[in-house]
All heavy atoms as atom14 arrays in JSON, in Angstrom:
{
  "sequence": "VPKDEIKRRVEEAAEILDITKYLQRKPKALSGGQ",
  "atom14_mask": [
    [1, 1, 1, 1, 1, 1, 1, 0, 0, 0, 0, 0, 0, 0],
    [1, 1, 1, 1, 1, 1, 1, 0, 0, 0, 0, 0, 0, 0],
    [1, 1, 1, 1, 1, 1, 1, 1, 1, 0, 0, 0, 0, 0],
    [1, 1, 1, 1, 1, 1, 1, 1, 0, 0, 0, 0, 0, 0],
    [1, 1, 1, 1, 1, 1, 1, 1, 1, 0, 0, 0, 0, 0],
    [1, 1, 1, 1, 1, 1, 1, 1, 0, 0, 0, 0, 0, 0],
    [1, 1, 1, 1, 1, 1, 1, 1, 1, 0, 0, 0, 0, 0],
    [1, 1, 1, 1, 1, 1, 1, 1, 1, 1, 1, 0, 0, 0],
    [1, 1, 1, 1, 1, 1, 1, 1, 1, 1, 1, 0, 0, 0],
    [1, 1, 1, 1, 1, 1, 1, 0, 0, 0, 0, 0, 0, 0],
    [1, 1, 1, 1, 1, 1, 1, 1, 1, 0, 0, 0, 0, 0],
    [1, 1, 1, 1, 1, 1, 1, 1, 1, 0, 0, 0, 0, 0],
    [1, 1, 1, 1, 1, 0, 0, 0, 0, 0, 0, 0, 0, 0],
    [1, 1, 1, 1, 1, 0, 0, 0, 0, 0, 0, 0, 0, 0],
    [1, 1, 1, 1, 1, 1, 1, 1, 1, 0, 0, 0, 0, 0],
    [1, 1, 1, 1, 1, 1, 1, 1, 0, 0, 0, 0, 0, 0],
    [1, 1, 1, 1, 1, 1, 1, 1, 0, 0, 0, 0, 0, 0],
    [1, 1, 1, 1, 1, 1, 1, 1, 0, 0, 0, 0, 0, 0],
    [1, 1, 1, 1, 1, 1, 1, 1, 0, 0, 0, 0, 0, 0],
    [1, 1, 1, 1, 1, 1, 1, 0, 0, 0, 0, 0, 0, 0],
    [1, 1, 1, 1, 1, 1, 1, 1, 1, 0, 0, 0, 0, 0],
    [1, 1, 1, 1, 1, 1, 1, 1, 1, 1, 1, 1, 0, 0],
    [1, 1, 1, 1, 1, 1, 1, 1, 0, 0, 0, 0, 0, 0],
    [1, 1, 1, 1, 1, 1, 1, 1, 1, 0, 0, 0, 0, 0],
    [1, 1, 1, 1, 1, 1, 1, 1, 1, 1, 1, 0, 0, 0],
    [1, 1, 1, 1, 1, 1, 1, 1, 1, 0, 0, 0, 0, 0],
    [1, 1, 1, 1, 1, 1, 1, 0, 0, 0, 0, 0, 0, 0],
    [1, 1, 1, 1, 1, 1, 1, 1, 1, 0, 0, 0, 0, 0],
    [1, 1, 1, 1, 1, 0, 0, 0, 0, 0, 0, 0, 0, 0],
    [1, 1, 1, 1, 1, 1, 1, 1, 0, 0, 0, 0, 0, 0],
    [1, 1, 1, 1, 1, 1, 0, 0, 0, 0, 0, 0, 0, 0],
    [1, 1, 1, 1, 0, 0, 0, 0, 0, 0, 0, 0, 0, 0],
    [1, 1, 1, 1, 0, 0, 0, 0, 0, 0, 0, 0, 0, 0],
    [1, 1, 1, 1, 1, 1, 1, 1, 1, 0, 0, 0, 0, 0]
  ],
  "atom14_positions": [
    [[4.36, 10.64, 12.61], [5.49, 10.48, 11.72], [5.35, 11.42, 10.55], [4.19, 11.65, 10.0], [5.59, 9.01, 11.16], [6.7, 8.88, 10.13], [5.79, 8.07, 12.34], [0.0, 0.0, 0.0], [0.0, 0.0, 0.0], [0.0, 0.0, 0.0], [0.0, 0.0, 0.0], [0.0, 0.0, 0.0], [0.0, 0.0, 0.0], [0.0, 0.0, 0.0]],
    [[6.4, 12.13, 10.07], [6.32, 13.05, 9.02], [5.73, 12.47, 7.73], [5.91, 11.26, 7.47], [7.76, 13.51, 8.71], [8.43, 13.3, 10.07], [7.79, 12.14, 10.72], [0.0, 0.0, 0.0], [0.0, 0.0, 0.0], [0.0, 0.0, 0.0], [0.0, 0.0, 0.0], [0.0, 0.0, 0.0], [0.0, 0.0, 0.0], [0.0, 0.0, 0.0]],
    [[4.96, 13.25, 6.98], [4.21, 12.75, 5.76], [5.14, 12.09, 4.79], [4.8, 11.1, 4.2], [3.41, 13.87, 5.16], [2.2, 14.31, 5.94], [1.4, 15.27, 5.15], [0.08, 15.67, 5.9], [-0.72, 16.66, 5.17], [0.0, 0.0, 0.0], [0.0, 0.0, 0.0], [0.0, 0.0, 0.0], [0.0, 0.0, 0.0], [0.0, 0.0, 0.0]],
    [[6.31, 12.75, 4.55], [7.23, 12.18, 3.56], [7.7, 10.85, 3.96], [7.86, 9.9, 3.14], [8.45, 13.14, 3.43], [8.02, 14.4, 2.65], [6.9, 14.41, 2.07], [8.83, 15.35, 2.6], [0.0, 0.0, 0.0], [0.0, 0.0, 0.0], [0.0, 0.0, 0.0], [0.0, 0.0, 0.0], [0.0, 0.0, 0.0], [0.0, 0.0, 0.0]],
    [[7.97, 10.61, 5.31], [8.45, 9.41, 5.81], [7.34, 8.32, 5.73], [7.6, 7.16, 5.39], [8.89, 9.54, 7.26], [9.31, 8.25, 7.99], [10.59, 7.65, 7.34], [11.23, 8.29, 6.52], [10.95, 6.52, 7.76], [0.0, 0.0, 0.0], [0.0, 0.0, 0.0], [0.0, 0.0, 0.0], [0.0, 0.0, 0.0], [0.0, 0.0, 0.0]],
    [[6.13, 8.69, 6.0], [4.94, 7.83, 5.88], [4.84, 7.31, 4.49], [4.72, 6.12, 4.21], [3.62, 8.51, 6.29], [3.66, 8.76, 7.85], [2.43, 7.62, 5.95], [2.41, 9.49, 8.33], [0.0, 0.0, 0.0], [0.0, 0.0, 0.0], [0.0, 0.0, 0.0], [0.0, 0.0, 0.0], [0.0, 0.0, 0.0], [0.0, 0.0, 0.0]],
    [[4.88, 8.2, 3.49], [4.81, 7.86, 2.06], [5.85, 6.89, 1.66], [5.63, 5.92, 0.97], [4.85, 9.11, 1.24], [4.65, 8.94, -0.3], [4.52, 10.28, -1.0], [4.18, 10.05, -2.43], [5.25, 9.46, -3.23], [0.0, 0.0, 0.0], [0.0, 0.0, 0.0], [0.0, 0.0, 0.0], [0.0, 0.0, 0.0], [0.0, 0.0, 0.0]],
    [[7.12, 7.2, 2.13], [8.24, 6.36, 1.77], [8.05, 4.87, 2.3], [8.21, 3.95, 1.59], [9.55, 6.92, 2.3], [10.81, 6.14, 1.87], [12.03, 6.65, 2.66], [11.97, 6.36, 4.05], [12.16, 5.08, 4.59], [12.49, 4.08, 3.79], [12.14, 4.93, 5.89], [0.0, 0.0, 0.0], [0.0, 0.0, 0.0], [0.0, 0.0, 0.0]],
    [[7.67, 4.79, 3.55], [7.47, 3.5, 4.18], [6.33, 2.66, 3.58], [6.5, 1.47, 3.36], [7.2, 3.63, 5.74], [8.45, 4.11, 6.51], [8.3, 3.72, 7.96], [8.99, 4.58, 8.87], [8.86, 4.46, 10.18], [8.04, 3.61, 10.73], [9.57, 5.26, 11.01], [0.0, 0.0, 0.0], [0.0, 0.0, 0.0], [0.0, 0.0, 0.0]],
    [[5.23, 3.35, 3.34], [4.06, 2.69, 2.73], [4.39, 2.16, 1.36], [4.1, 1.03, 1.0], [2.82, 3.56, 2.73], [1.72, 2.91, 1.91], [2.37, 3.81, 4.17], [0.0, 0.0, 0.0], [0.0, 0.0, 0.0], [0.0, 0.0, 0.0], [0.0, 0.0, 0.0], [0.0, 0.0, 0.0], [0.0, 0.0, 0.0], [0.0, 0.0, 0.0]],
    [[5.02, 2.99, 0.56], [5.34, 2.61, -0.79], [6.39, 1.51, -0.84], [6.35, 0.61, -1.66], [5.88, 3.87, -1.65], [4.72, 4.86, -1.91], [5.17, 6.05, -2.67], [6.39, 6.23, -2.78], [4.34, 6.83, -3.12], [0.0, 0.0, 0.0], [0.0, 0.0, 0.0], [0.0, 0.0, 0.0], [0.0, 0.0, 0.0], [0.0, 0.0, 0.0]],
    [[7.32, 1.6, 0.09], [8.34, 0.49, 0.21], [7.73, -0.83, 0.61], [7.97, -1.86, -0.04], [9.45, 0.92, 1.23], [10.5, -0.09, 1.3], [11.56, 0.35, 2.34], [11.43, -0.05, 3.51], [12.47, 1.12, 1.95], [0.0, 0.0, 0.0], [0.0, 0.0, 0.0], [0.0, 0.0, 0.0], [0.0, 0.0, 0.0], [0.0, 0.0, 0.0]],
    [[6.8, -0.79, 1.53], [6.15, -2.03, 1.94], [5.18, -2.56, 0.83], [5.1, -3.81, 0.62], [5.31, -1.77, 3.23], [0.0, 0.0, 0.0], [0.0, 0.0, 0.0], [0.0, 0.0, 0.0], [0.0, 0.0, 0.0], [0.0, 0.0, 0.0], [0.0, 0.0, 0.0], [0.0, 0.0, 0.0], [0.0, 0.0, 0.0], [0.0, 0.0, 0.0]],
    [[4.52, -1.67, 0.19], [3.66, -2.06, -0.93], [4.42, -2.71, -2.06], [3.95, -3.65, -2.63], [2.88, -0.85, -1.42], [0.0, 0.0, 0.0], [0.0, 0.0, 0.0], [0.0, 0.0, 0.0], [0.0, 0.0, 0.0], [0.0, 0.0, 0.0], [0.0, 0.0, 0.0], [0.0, 0.0, 0.0], [0.0, 0.0, 0.0], [0.0, 0.0, 0.0]],
    [[5.61, -2.2, -2.29], [6.43, -2.77, -3.36], [6.91, -4.25, -2.98], [6.86, -5.16, -3.79], [7.72, -1.9, -3.63], [8.57, -2.43, -4.7], [9.79, -1.59, -4.93], [9.88, -0.54, -4.37], [10.7, -2.05, -5.71], [0.0, 0.0, 0.0], [0.0, 0.0, 0.0], [0.0, 0.0, 0.0], [0.0, 0.0, 0.0], [0.0, 0.0, 0.0]],
    [[7.32, -4.35, -1.68], [7.77, -5.66, -1.23], [6.61, -6.7, -1.33], [6.8, -7.86, -1.7], [8.17, -5.57, 0.28], [9.47, -4.79, 0.4], [8.31, -6.98, 0.93], [9.93, -4.53, 1.84], [0.0, 0.0, 0.0], [0.0, 0.0, 0.0], [0.0, 0.0, 0.0], [0.0, 0.0, 0.0], [0.0, 0.0, 0.0], [0.0, 0.0, 0.0]],
    [[5.4, -6.25, -1.06], [4.21, -7.12, -1.08], [3.45, -7.13, -2.39], [2.45, -7.86, -2.47], [3.21, -6.72, 0.09], [3.77, -6.96, 1.47], [3.03, -6.12, 2.46], [3.78, -8.39, 1.85], [0.0, 0.0, 0.0], [0.0, 0.0, 0.0], [0.0, 0.0, 0.0], [0.0, 0.0, 0.0], [0.0, 0.0, 0.0], [0.0, 0.0, 0.0]],
    [[3.98, -6.43, -3.35], [3.33, -6.37, -4.71], [1.88, -5.93, -4.67], [1.03, -6.48, -5.33], [3.46, -7.76, -5.39], [3.13, -7.68, -6.88], [3.36, -6.57, -7.41], [2.73, -8.7, -7.44], [0.0, 0.0, 0.0], [0.0, 0.0, 0.0], [0.0, 0.0, 0.0], [0.0, 0.0, 0.0], [0.0, 0.0, 0.0], [0.0, 0.0, 0.0]],
    [[1.65, -4.81, -3.91], [0.31, -4.25, -3.87], [0.28, -2.75, -4.17], [-0.66, -2.03, -3.83], [-0.38, -4.49, -2.51], [0.54, -3.98, -1.31], [-0.72, -5.95, -2.24], [-0.08, -4.04, 0.05], [0.0, 0.0, 0.0], [0.0, 0.0, 0.0], [0.0, 0.0, 0.0], [0.0, 0.0, 0.0], [0.0, 0.0, 0.0], [0.0, 0.0, 0.0]],
    [[1.32, -2.3, -4.82], [1.45, -0.9, -5.17], [0.19, -0.37, -5.91], [-0.35, 0.7, -5.68], [2.74, -0.59, -5.97], [3.84, -1.04, -5.21], [2.84, 0.87, -6.25], [0.0, 0.0, 0.0], [0.0, 0.0, 0.0], [0.0, 0.0, 0.0], [0.0, 0.0, 0.0], [0.0, 0.0, 0.0], [0.0, 0.0, 0.0], [0.0, 0.0, 0.0]],
    [[-0.25, -1.23, -6.87], [-1.35, -0.76, -7.71], [-2.73, -0.74, -7.03], [-3.68, -0.26, -7.62], [-1.43, -1.68, -8.97], [-1.69, -3.15, -8.65], [-1.55, -3.96, -9.94], [-1.56, -5.51, -9.66], [-1.38, -6.29, -10.87], [0.0, 0.0, 0.0], [0.0, 0.0, 0.0], [0.0, 0.0, 0.0], [0.0, 0.0, 0.0], [0.0, 0.0, 0.0]],
    [[-2.69, -1.21, -5.79], [-3.99, -1.2, -5.05], [-4.08, -0.16, -3.94], [-5.04, -0.11, -3.14], [-4.21, -2.61, -4.39], [-4.07, -3.78, -5.28], [-3.25, -4.82, -5.04], [-4.92, -3.82, -6.43], [-3.11, -5.94, -5.95], [-4.79, -4.92, -7.33], [-3.91, -5.98, -7.06], [-3.81, -7.01, -7.87], [0.0, 0.0, 0.0], [0.0, 0.0, 0.0]],
    [[-3.06, 0.71, -3.93], [-2.93, 1.64, -2.78], [-4.21, 2.58, -2.67], [-4.5, 3.04, -1.53], [-1.7, 2.44, -2.92], [-0.37, 1.72, -2.52], [0.81, 2.61, -2.79], [-0.39, 1.26, -1.07], [0.0, 0.0, 0.0], [0.0, 0.0, 0.0], [0.0, 0.0, 0.0], [0.0, 0.0, 0.0], [0.0, 0.0, 0.0], [0.0, 0.0, 0.0]],
    [[-4.82, 2.91, -3.75], [-5.98, 3.78, -3.71], [-7.35, 3.09, -3.68], [-8.37, 3.71, -3.68], [-5.92, 4.81, -4.84], [-4.68, 5.66, -4.88], [-4.44, 6.33, -3.53], [-5.41, 6.93, -2.89], [-3.22, 6.34, -3.07], [0.0, 0.0, 0.0], [0.0, 0.0, 0.0], [0.0, 0.0, 0.0], [0.0, 0.0, 0.0], [0.0, 0.0, 0.0]],
    [[-7.31, 1.78, -3.6], [-8.52, 1.02, -3.5], [-8.89, 0.87, -1.97], [-8.09, 0.99, -1.1], [-8.37, -0.37, -4.11], [-8.17, -0.36, -5.58], [-8.24, -1.73, -6.18], [-7.89, -1.79, -7.56], [-7.9, -2.88, -8.31], [-8.21, -4.03, -7.79], [-7.52, -2.86, -9.56], [0.0, 0.0, 0.0], [0.0, 0.0, 0.0], [0.0, 0.0, 0.0]],
    [[-10.24, 0.48, -1.79], [-10.7, 0.17, -0.49], [-10.73, -1.36, -0.33], [-10.84, -2.08, -1.31], [-12.04, 0.79, -0.24], [-11.94, 2.31, -0.1], [-13.21, 2.98, 0.22], [-13.08, 4.44, 0.39], [-14.33, 5.17, 0.73], [0.0, 0.0, 0.0], [0.0, 0.0, 0.0], [0.0, 0.0, 0.0], [0.0, 0.0, 0.0], [0.0, 0.0, 0.0]],
    [[-10.72, -1.85, 0.93], [-10.61, -3.36, 1.11], [-11.71, -4.16, 0.42], [-11.44, -5.27, -0.03], [-10.78, -3.43, 2.65], [-10.16, -2.14, 3.18], [-10.56, -1.14, 2.19], [0.0, 0.0, 0.0], [0.0, 0.0, 0.0], [0.0, 0.0, 0.0], [0.0, 0.0, 0.0], [0.0, 0.0, 0.0], [0.0, 0.0, 0.0], [0.0, 0.0, 0.0]],
    [[-12.91, -3.6, 0.31], [-14.0, -4.35, -0.37], [-13.69, -4.66, -1.84], [-14.33, -5.57, -2.43], [-15.3, -3.6, -0.24], [-15.39, -2.29, -1.01], [-16.77, -1.63, -0.84], [-16.86, -0.35, -1.58], [-18.21, 0.31, -1.39], [0.0, 0.0, 0.0], [0.0, 0.0, 0.0], [0.0, 0.0, 0.0], [0.0, 0.0, 0.0], [0.0, 0.0, 0.0]],
    [[-12.79, -3.94, -2.42], [-12.41, -4.1, -3.79], [-11.25, -5.13, -4.0], [-10.79, -5.33, -5.13], [-12.08, -2.83, -4.49], [0.0, 0.0, 0.0], [0.0, 0.0, 0.0], [0.0, 0.0, 0.0], [0.0, 0.0, 0.0], [0.0, 0.0, 0.0], [0.0, 0.0, 0.0], [0.0, 0.0, 0.0], [0.0, 0.0, 0.0], [0.0, 0.0, 0.0]],
    [[-10.83, -5.7, -2.9], [-9.66, -6.56, -2.91], [-10.09, -8.04, -2.65], [-11.1, -8.28, -2.0], [-8.63, -6.19, -1.89], [-8.12, -4.75, -1.94], [-7.18, -4.47, -0.75], [-7.49, -4.41, -3.28], [0.0, 0.0, 0.0], [0.0, 0.0, 0.0], [0.0, 0.0, 0.0], [0.0, 0.0, 0.0], [0.0, 0.0, 0.0], [0.0, 0.0, 0.0]],
    [[-9.26, -8.98, -3.16], [-9.48, -10.41, -2.9], [-8.91, -10.71, -1.45], [-8.3, -9.88, -0.82], [-8.7, -11.27, -3.83], [-7.31, -11.12, -3.66], [0.0, 0.0, 0.0], [0.0, 0.0, 0.0], [0.0, 0.0, 0.0], [0.0, 0.0, 0.0], [0.0, 0.0, 0.0], [0.0, 0.0, 0.0], [0.0, 0.0, 0.0], [0.0, 0.0, 0.0]],
    [[-9.2, -11.89, -0.95], [-8.74, -12.25, 0.4], [-7.21, -12.2, 0.47], [-6.67, -11.78, 1.51], [0.0, 0.0, 0.0], [0.0, 0.0, 0.0], [0.0, 0.0, 0.0], [0.0, 0.0, 0.0], [0.0, 0.0, 0.0], [0.0, 0.0, 0.0], [0.0, 0.0, 0.0], [0.0, 0.0, 0.0], [0.0, 0.0, 0.0], [0.0, 0.0, 0.0]],
    [[-6.56, -12.69, -0.53], [-5.12, -12.7, -0.48], [-4.56, -11.25, -0.54], [-3.57, -10.97, 0.18], [0.0, 0.0, 0.0], [0.0, 0.0, 0.0], [0.0, 0.0, 0.0], [0.0, 0.0, 0.0], [0.0, 0.0, 0.0], [0.0, 0.0, 0.0], [0.0, 0.0, 0.0], [0.0, 0.0, 0.0], [0.0, 0.0, 0.0], [0.0, 0.0, 0.0]],
    [[-5.18, -10.4, -1.32], [-4.7, -8.98, -1.33], [-4.98, -8.31, 0.03], [-4.12, -7.5, 0.46], [-5.47, -8.26, -2.47], [-4.99, -8.68, -3.85], [-6.01, -8.34, -4.91], [-7.12, -7.89, -4.65], [-5.65, -8.57, -6.2], [0.0, 0.0, 0.0], [0.0, 0.0, 0.0], [0.0, 0.0, 0.0], [0.0, 0.0, 0.0], [0.0, 0.0, 0.0]]
  ]
}
């Protein structure tokens, strides 16, 4: 999938799930719910 489309979809999903601020973190830095 084109990079611009990937960025759009990921950011849109992150906004829906309220995880935008965690996009550059790795899983070990997140809680179970995150």
